[in-house]
Amino acid sequence: MSKKGVYPVYENQFKIDKTGGDGATEDSLVTIAVMESFSVSIDGNVEEWKPFDHEGWTRRLVTGKSITISVSGKRNIGDAGNDYVAGLALKTGAASKTTVIWTFPSGATLKIPCVINVTEWESGESTNVAPLAFDIMSDGKPTYTEATAS
């Protein structure tokens, strides 16, 4: 489904492979309940050089990229995606690796091999709803798939 025009941010959808690793299947992908916001940061490695023949002007080339998606919401015990992410809070190494599929409102997808870094977990003031916040940090090259035409 290819979509045009403006859209509300909630039309972005994320699924996470609750089994970890990079072998995501439709059966292993789950949504993460009660997430409220996300922000995307793309970091580019840029090489610079100043060749004589450019008379002091700088040349540049992007030689690498990484993406971090920071997600925040509420802790929801009993939801498969929320439980999986919360369970990664104290994990390190390969145990923190998984795959996330981001579906854009246009229908395009970004499959991201990643590590999950939980940044806020089971905390807050006594009358708050417990938060869950985490970073999806790319671990290798994501795969972008264009939306199919309607």
N, C-alpha and C. Protein backbone atom coordinates (compact mmCIF):
# COMPACT_ATOMS: atom_id res chain seq x y z
N MET A 1 0.85 -1.16 0.00
CA MET A 1 0.00 0.00 0.00
C MET A 1 0.90 1.23 0.00
N SER A 2 0.82 2.01 -1.03
CA SER A 2 1.58 3.24 -1.11
C SER A 2 0.66 4.39 -0.72
N LYS A 3 1.12 5.25 0.16
CA LYS A 3 0.28 6.31 0.71
C LYS A 3 0.93 7.66 0.42
N LYS A 4 0.14 8.69 0.27
CA LYS A 4 0.65 10.03 0.03
C LYS A 4 0.01 10.99 1.03
N GLY A 5 0.64 12.14 1.23
CA GLY A 5 0.07 13.18 2.08
C GLY A 5 0.60 13.13 3.51
N VAL A 6 0.06 13.98 4.34
CA VAL A 6 0.48 14.05 5.73
C VAL A 6 -0.15 12.90 6.53
N TYR A 7 0.41 12.64 7.70
CA TYR A 7 -0.08 11.51 8.49
C TYR A 7 0.28 11.72 9.96
N PRO A 8 -0.47 11.12 10.87
CA PRO A 8 -0.11 11.18 12.28
C PRO A 8 1.06 10.22 12.55
N VAL A 9 1.91 10.56 13.48
CA VAL A 9 3.11 9.76 13.79
C VAL A 9 2.74 8.34 14.22
N TYR A 10 1.60 8.15 14.86
CA TYR A 10 1.24 6.80 15.33
C TYR A 10 1.08 5.80 14.19
N GLU A 11 1.01 6.26 12.94
CA GLU A 11 0.92 5.34 11.82
C GLU A 11 2.24 4.60 11.57
N ASN A 12 3.34 5.06 12.16
CA ASN A 12 4.57 4.29 12.13
C ASN A 12 4.38 3.10 13.06
N GLN A 13 4.80 1.94 12.63
CA GLN A 13 4.63 0.74 13.45
C GLN A 13 5.97 0.01 13.58
N PHE A 14 6.21 -0.54 14.76
CA PHE A 14 7.44 -1.28 15.03
C PHE A 14 7.10 -2.68 15.52
N LYS A 15 7.83 -3.66 15.02
CA LYS A 15 7.75 -5.02 15.53
C LYS A 15 9.16 -5.47 15.88
N ILE A 16 9.26 -6.28 16.93
CA ILE A 16 10.55 -6.76 17.40
C ILE A 16 10.54 -8.29 17.41
N ASP A 17 11.70 -8.88 17.08
CA ASP A 17 11.83 -10.33 17.10
C ASP A 17 12.06 -10.75 18.55
N LYS A 18 11.03 -11.35 19.16
CA LYS A 18 11.10 -11.72 20.57
C LYS A 18 12.01 -12.91 20.84
N THR A 19 12.56 -13.53 19.78
CA THR A 19 13.49 -14.64 19.96
C THR A 19 14.94 -14.19 19.87
N GLY A 20 15.17 -12.91 19.54
CA GLY A 20 16.53 -12.39 19.40
C GLY A 20 17.16 -12.83 18.11
N GLY A 21 18.36 -12.36 17.87
CA GLY A 21 19.09 -12.75 16.67
C GLY A 21 18.58 -12.07 15.42
N ASP A 22 18.91 -12.68 14.26
CA ASP A 22 18.56 -12.04 12.99
C ASP A 22 17.64 -12.89 12.12
N GLY A 23 17.05 -13.92 12.68
CA GLY A 23 16.18 -14.80 11.90
C GLY A 23 14.71 -14.49 12.08
N ALA A 24 14.33 -13.22 12.08
CA ALA A 24 12.95 -12.82 12.33
C ALA A 24 11.98 -13.49 11.36
N THR A 25 10.93 -14.08 11.92
CA THR A 25 9.85 -14.66 11.12
C THR A 25 8.55 -13.99 11.55
N GLU A 26 7.52 -14.15 10.76
CA GLU A 26 6.23 -13.55 11.11
C GLU A 26 5.76 -14.02 12.48
N ASP A 27 6.05 -15.29 12.85
CA ASP A 27 5.64 -15.83 14.14
C ASP A 27 6.44 -15.24 15.31
N SER A 28 7.68 -14.82 15.06
CA SER A 28 8.51 -14.32 16.16
C SER A 28 8.42 -12.81 16.33
N LEU A 29 7.78 -12.11 15.38
CA LEU A 29 7.67 -10.65 15.45
C LEU A 29 6.43 -10.25 16.25
N VAL A 30 6.64 -9.34 17.21
CA VAL A 30 5.54 -8.83 18.02
C VAL A 30 5.65 -7.31 18.13
N THR A 31 4.51 -6.67 18.34
CA THR A 31 4.53 -5.24 18.62
C THR A 31 4.89 -5.04 20.09
N ILE A 32 5.21 -3.82 20.46
CA ILE A 32 5.55 -3.48 21.84
C ILE A 32 4.47 -2.54 22.35
N ALA A 33 3.61 -3.04 23.21
CA ALA A 33 2.44 -2.28 23.67
C ALA A 33 2.84 -1.04 24.46
N VAL A 34 2.00 -0.04 24.37
CA VAL A 34 1.99 1.17 25.20
C VAL A 34 3.23 2.05 25.00
N MET A 35 3.80 2.03 23.82
CA MET A 35 4.89 2.96 23.52
C MET A 35 4.26 4.27 23.04
N GLU A 36 4.81 5.39 23.50
CA GLU A 36 4.18 6.69 23.25
C GLU A 36 4.95 7.60 22.30
N SER A 37 6.27 7.46 22.25
CA SER A 37 7.02 8.37 21.39
C SER A 37 8.32 7.70 20.93
N PHE A 38 8.84 8.21 19.82
CA PHE A 38 10.13 7.76 19.35
C PHE A 38 10.81 8.89 18.61
N SER A 39 12.13 8.85 18.60
CA SER A 39 12.92 9.80 17.83
C SER A 39 14.02 9.04 17.12
N VAL A 40 14.43 9.54 15.96
CA VAL A 40 15.40 8.87 15.13
C VAL A 40 16.64 9.74 15.00
N SER A 41 17.80 9.11 15.18
CA SER A 41 19.08 9.79 15.00
C SER A 41 19.91 8.98 14.02
N ILE A 42 20.35 9.63 12.94
CA ILE A 42 21.22 8.97 11.97
C ILE A 42 22.59 9.61 12.08
N ASP A 43 23.58 8.78 12.36
CA ASP A 43 24.95 9.25 12.52
C ASP A 43 25.75 8.86 11.29
N GLY A 44 26.35 9.84 10.64
CA GLY A 44 27.18 9.57 9.47
C GLY A 44 28.65 9.82 9.79
N ASN A 45 29.50 8.90 9.37
CA ASN A 45 30.94 9.11 9.45
C ASN A 45 31.36 9.85 8.20
N VAL A 46 31.96 11.02 8.36
CA VAL A 46 32.33 11.84 7.22
C VAL A 46 33.85 12.04 7.21
N GLU A 47 34.48 11.63 6.12
CA GLU A 47 35.90 11.88 5.90
C GLU A 47 36.05 13.22 5.20
N GLU A 48 37.05 13.99 5.60
CA GLU A 48 37.33 15.29 4.97
C GLU A 48 38.77 15.34 4.51
N TRP A 49 39.01 16.03 3.38
CA TRP A 49 40.37 16.25 2.91
C TRP A 49 40.40 17.55 2.11
N LYS A 50 41.59 18.12 2.00
CA LYS A 50 41.76 19.41 1.34
C LYS A 50 42.85 19.28 0.27
N PRO A 51 42.45 18.83 -0.93
CA PRO A 51 43.45 18.66 -1.98
C PRO A 51 43.92 20.00 -2.54
N PHE A 52 45.18 20.02 -2.99
CA PHE A 52 45.75 21.25 -3.56
C PHE A 52 44.91 21.78 -4.72
N ASP A 53 44.41 20.89 -5.57
CA ASP A 53 43.70 21.34 -6.77
C ASP A 53 42.32 21.94 -6.48
N HIS A 54 41.88 21.92 -5.23
CA HIS A 54 40.61 22.56 -4.86
C HIS A 54 40.82 23.88 -4.14
N GLU A 55 42.06 24.36 -4.17
CA GLU A 55 42.42 25.71 -3.69
C GLU A 55 41.90 26.00 -2.29
N GLY A 56 42.07 25.05 -1.38
CA GLY A 56 41.70 25.26 0.02
C GLY A 56 40.29 24.84 0.38
N TRP A 57 39.48 24.49 -0.61
CA TRP A 57 38.12 24.05 -0.33
C TRP A 57 38.12 22.60 0.11
N THR A 58 37.28 22.31 1.10
CA THR A 58 37.22 20.97 1.68
C THR A 58 36.37 20.04 0.82
N ARG A 59 36.86 18.83 0.64
CA ARG A 59 36.10 17.75 0.00
C ARG A 59 35.60 16.84 1.11
N ARG A 60 34.45 16.21 0.92
CA ARG A 60 33.87 15.33 1.94
C ARG A 60 33.23 14.11 1.29
N LEU A 61 33.22 13.01 2.07
CA LEU A 61 32.55 11.79 1.63
C LEU A 61 32.02 11.06 2.85
N VAL A 62 30.72 10.71 2.83
CA VAL A 62 30.13 9.91 3.91
C VAL A 62 30.63 8.48 3.72
N THR A 63 31.32 7.96 4.73
CA THR A 63 31.93 6.63 4.61
C THR A 63 31.27 5.58 5.51
N GLY A 64 30.32 5.98 6.32
CA GLY A 64 29.64 5.03 7.19
C GLY A 64 28.39 5.65 7.79
N LYS A 65 27.49 4.80 8.28
CA LYS A 65 26.23 5.26 8.88
C LYS A 65 25.85 4.36 10.04
N SER A 66 25.06 4.90 10.94
CA SER A 66 24.38 4.11 11.97
C SER A 66 23.07 4.82 12.28
N ILE A 67 22.14 4.07 12.82
CA ILE A 67 20.83 4.63 13.17
C ILE A 67 20.50 4.23 14.60
N THR A 68 19.95 5.18 15.35
CA THR A 68 19.45 4.90 16.70
C THR A 68 18.02 5.43 16.78
N ILE A 69 17.12 4.56 17.22
CA ILE A 69 15.73 4.96 17.42
C ILE A 69 15.47 4.87 18.92
N SER A 70 15.20 6.01 19.53
CA SER A 70 14.91 6.07 20.96
C SER A 70 13.40 6.02 21.16
N VAL A 71 12.94 5.01 21.92
CA VAL A 71 11.52 4.76 22.11
C VAL A 71 11.19 4.89 23.59
N SER A 72 10.03 5.48 23.91
CA SER A 72 9.63 5.55 25.32
C SER A 72 8.13 5.33 25.43
N GLY A 73 7.77 4.78 26.56
CA GLY A 73 6.36 4.51 26.83
C GLY A 73 6.20 3.99 28.25
N LYS A 74 5.26 3.07 28.41
CA LYS A 74 4.93 2.53 29.73
C LYS A 74 5.25 1.04 29.79
N ARG A 75 5.59 0.58 30.98
CA ARG A 75 5.82 -0.85 31.22
C ARG A 75 4.47 -1.53 31.27
N ASN A 76 4.32 -2.60 30.50
CA ASN A 76 3.05 -3.31 30.41
C ASN A 76 3.32 -4.81 30.59
N ILE A 77 3.22 -5.27 31.82
CA ILE A 77 3.50 -6.68 32.14
C ILE A 77 2.43 -7.56 31.49
N GLY A 78 2.89 -8.58 30.77
CA GLY A 78 1.98 -9.50 30.10
C GLY A 78 1.92 -9.31 28.60
N ASP A 79 2.44 -8.19 28.08
CA ASP A 79 2.52 -8.00 26.64
C ASP A 79 3.85 -8.59 26.17
N ALA A 80 3.80 -9.45 25.15
CA ALA A 80 5.00 -10.18 24.71
C ALA A 80 6.14 -9.25 24.31
N GLY A 81 5.84 -8.19 23.55
CA GLY A 81 6.90 -7.27 23.12
C GLY A 81 7.45 -6.45 24.27
N ASN A 82 6.57 -5.93 25.10
CA ASN A 82 6.97 -5.12 26.24
C ASN A 82 7.77 -5.97 27.23
N ASP A 83 7.33 -7.19 27.50
CA ASP A 83 8.06 -8.10 28.39
C ASP A 83 9.44 -8.43 27.83
N TYR A 84 9.51 -8.67 26.51
CA TYR A 84 10.80 -9.00 25.89
C TYR A 84 11.80 -7.86 26.06
N VAL A 85 11.37 -6.64 25.74
CA VAL A 85 12.28 -5.49 25.86
C VAL A 85 12.68 -5.28 27.32
N ALA A 86 11.73 -5.31 28.23
CA ALA A 86 12.06 -5.13 29.66
C ALA A 86 13.03 -6.20 30.13
N GLY A 87 12.90 -7.40 29.60
CA GLY A 87 13.79 -8.50 29.97
C GLY A 87 15.23 -8.31 29.49
N LEU A 88 15.45 -7.36 28.59
CA LEU A 88 16.80 -7.08 28.09
C LEU A 88 17.55 -6.05 28.95
N ALA A 89 16.89 -5.49 29.95
CA ALA A 89 17.47 -4.41 30.74
C ALA A 89 18.84 -4.74 31.31
N LEU A 90 19.05 -5.95 31.76
CA LEU A 90 20.31 -6.32 32.38
C LEU A 90 21.16 -7.23 31.50
N LYS A 91 20.75 -7.43 30.26
CA LYS A 91 21.49 -8.31 29.34
C LYS A 91 22.65 -7.55 28.70
N THR A 92 23.68 -8.29 28.35
CA THR A 92 24.82 -7.73 27.63
C THR A 92 25.21 -8.69 26.51
N GLY A 93 26.14 -8.26 25.69
CA GLY A 93 26.66 -9.11 24.62
C GLY A 93 25.59 -9.52 23.64
N ALA A 94 25.74 -10.74 23.11
CA ALA A 94 24.82 -11.25 22.10
C ALA A 94 23.40 -11.36 22.61
N ALA A 95 23.21 -11.43 23.92
CA ALA A 95 21.86 -11.54 24.49
C ALA A 95 21.02 -10.29 24.25
N SER A 96 21.66 -9.17 23.89
CA SER A 96 20.91 -7.93 23.65
C SER A 96 20.62 -7.70 22.17
N LYS A 97 21.00 -8.65 21.31
CA LYS A 97 20.80 -8.51 19.86
C LYS A 97 19.44 -9.05 19.44
N THR A 98 18.86 -8.38 18.45
CA THR A 98 17.59 -8.82 17.87
C THR A 98 17.40 -8.14 16.53
N THR A 99 16.20 -8.21 16.01
CA THR A 99 15.83 -7.54 14.76
C THR A 99 14.54 -6.76 15.00
N VAL A 100 14.49 -5.55 14.47
CA VAL A 100 13.29 -4.71 14.53
C VAL A 100 12.86 -4.40 13.10
N ILE A 101 11.56 -4.47 12.86
CA ILE A 101 11.00 -4.08 11.57
C ILE A 101 10.18 -2.81 11.79
N TRP A 102 10.56 -1.74 11.09
CA TRP A 102 9.84 -0.47 11.16
C TRP A 102 9.01 -0.36 9.89
N THR A 103 7.69 -0.28 10.04
CA THR A 103 6.81 -0.08 8.89
C THR A 103 6.37 1.38 8.89
N PHE A 104 6.69 2.06 7.81
CA PHE A 104 6.37 3.47 7.65
C PHE A 104 4.91 3.62 7.19
N PRO A 105 4.31 4.80 7.39
CA PRO A 105 2.93 5.01 6.93
C PRO A 105 2.76 4.75 5.43
N SER A 106 3.81 4.92 4.66
CA SER A 106 3.74 4.69 3.21
C SER A 106 3.63 3.21 2.88
N GLY A 107 3.95 2.34 3.84
CA GLY A 107 4.00 0.91 3.60
C GLY A 107 5.41 0.39 3.41
N ALA A 108 6.38 1.29 3.24
CA ALA A 108 7.79 0.89 3.15
C ALA A 108 8.23 0.32 4.50
N THR A 109 9.25 -0.54 4.48
CA THR A 109 9.76 -1.11 5.73
C THR A 109 11.27 -0.95 5.83
N LEU A 110 11.75 -0.93 7.06
CA LEU A 110 13.18 -0.93 7.35
C LEU A 110 13.43 -2.06 8.34
N LYS A 111 14.15 -3.09 7.89
CA LYS A 111 14.51 -4.22 8.75
C LYS A 111 15.88 -3.90 9.34
N ILE A 112 15.93 -3.81 10.67
CA ILE A 112 17.14 -3.34 11.35
C ILE A 112 17.72 -4.43 12.25
N PRO A 113 18.88 -5.01 11.87
CA PRO A 113 19.58 -5.84 12.84
C PRO A 113 20.11 -4.88 13.91
N CYS A 114 19.92 -5.21 15.18
CA CYS A 114 20.20 -4.20 16.20
C CYS A 114 20.54 -4.81 17.56
N VAL A 115 20.97 -3.92 18.44
CA VAL A 115 21.05 -4.23 19.86
C VAL A 115 20.03 -3.32 20.54
N ILE A 116 19.48 -3.81 21.65
CA ILE A 116 18.52 -3.03 22.43
C ILE A 116 19.20 -2.59 23.71
N ASN A 117 19.20 -1.29 23.95
CA ASN A 117 19.77 -0.73 25.16
C ASN A 117 18.63 -0.10 25.97
N VAL A 118 18.20 -0.80 27.03
CA VAL A 118 17.12 -0.28 27.88
C VAL A 118 17.68 0.88 28.69
N THR A 119 17.00 2.04 28.64
CA THR A 119 17.49 3.26 29.29
C THR A 119 16.64 3.72 30.46
N GLU A 120 15.40 3.23 30.55
CA GLU A 120 14.53 3.56 31.68
C GLU A 120 13.67 2.34 31.96
N TRP A 121 13.63 1.92 33.23
CA TRP A 121 13.06 0.61 33.56
C TRP A 121 12.50 0.60 34.97
N GLU A 122 11.19 0.37 35.08
CA GLU A 122 10.55 0.12 36.38
C GLU A 122 10.79 1.23 37.42
N SER A 123 10.80 2.50 37.01
CA SER A 123 11.13 3.56 37.95
C SER A 123 10.09 4.67 37.91
N GLY A 124 10.26 5.67 38.76
CA GLY A 124 9.38 6.83 38.75
C GLY A 124 8.84 7.14 40.13
N GLU A 125 8.02 8.16 40.18
CA GLU A 125 7.38 8.54 41.44
C GLU A 125 6.25 7.58 41.76
N SER A 126 5.87 7.54 43.02
CA SER A 126 4.91 6.53 43.48
C SER A 126 3.57 6.57 42.76
N THR A 127 3.17 7.73 42.25
CA THR A 127 1.87 7.82 41.58
C THR A 127 1.99 7.80 40.05
N ASN A 128 3.20 7.58 39.54
CA ASN A 128 3.41 7.47 38.09
C ASN A 128 3.13 6.06 37.61
N VAL A 129 2.86 5.93 36.32
CA VAL A 129 2.82 4.62 35.68
C VAL A 129 4.28 4.28 35.35
N ALA A 130 4.70 3.06 35.64
CA ALA A 130 6.09 2.67 35.43
C ALA A 130 6.48 2.82 33.96
N PRO A 131 7.64 3.42 33.70
CA PRO A 131 8.07 3.65 32.32
C PRO A 131 8.87 2.47 31.75
N LEU A 132 8.98 2.47 30.44
CA LEU A 132 9.91 1.62 29.72
C LEU A 132 10.44 2.44 28.57
N ALA A 133 11.74 2.64 28.53
CA ALA A 133 12.38 3.40 27.44
C ALA A 133 13.61 2.64 26.99
N PHE A 134 13.90 2.70 25.70
CA PHE A 134 15.03 1.95 25.16
C PHE A 134 15.48 2.54 23.84
N ASP A 135 16.72 2.21 23.48
CA ASP A 135 17.28 2.59 22.20
C ASP A 135 17.42 1.35 21.33
N ILE A 136 16.95 1.47 20.10
CA ILE A 136 17.18 0.46 19.06
C ILE A 136 18.41 0.97 18.31
N MET A 137 19.53 0.26 18.43
CA MET A 137 20.79 0.74 17.84
C MET A 137 21.25 -0.24 16.76
N SER A 138 21.32 0.26 15.53
CA SER A 138 21.64 -0.62 14.40
C SER A 138 22.96 -1.35 14.64
N ASP A 139 22.97 -2.60 14.19
CA ASP A 139 24.16 -3.47 14.29
C ASP A 139 24.38 -4.07 12.90
N GLY A 140 24.93 -3.26 12.02
CA GLY A 140 25.07 -3.65 10.62
C GLY A 140 24.09 -2.88 9.77
N LYS A 141 24.07 -3.19 8.50
CA LYS A 141 23.27 -2.45 7.53
C LYS A 141 21.81 -2.88 7.56
N PRO A 142 20.88 -1.91 7.74
CA PRO A 142 19.45 -2.21 7.66
C PRO A 142 19.06 -2.48 6.20
N THR A 143 17.91 -3.12 6.02
CA THR A 143 17.38 -3.38 4.68
C THR A 143 16.10 -2.56 4.50
N TYR A 144 16.13 -1.64 3.53
CA TYR A 144 14.97 -0.80 3.24
C TYR A 144 14.21 -1.41 2.06
N THR A 145 12.89 -1.56 2.21
CA THR A 145 12.04 -2.07 1.15
C THR A 145 10.97 -1.04 0.84
N GLU A 146 10.92 -0.60 -0.40
CA GLU A 146 9.93 0.39 -0.84
C GLU A 146 8.52 -0.18 -0.68
N ALA A 147 7.57 0.73 -0.50
CA ALA A 147 6.16 0.32 -0.45
C ALA A 147 5.72 -0.15 -1.83
N THR A 148 4.81 -1.09 -1.85
CA THR A 148 4.25 -1.53 -3.13
C THR A 148 3.14 -0.59 -3.53
N ALA A 149 2.97 -0.39 -4.82
CA ALA A 149 1.93 0.51 -5.32
C ALA A 149 0.55 -0.06 -5.05
N SER A 150 -0.40 0.82 -4.81
CA SER A 150 -1.79 0.40 -4.54
C SER A 150 -2.44 -0.11 -5.79
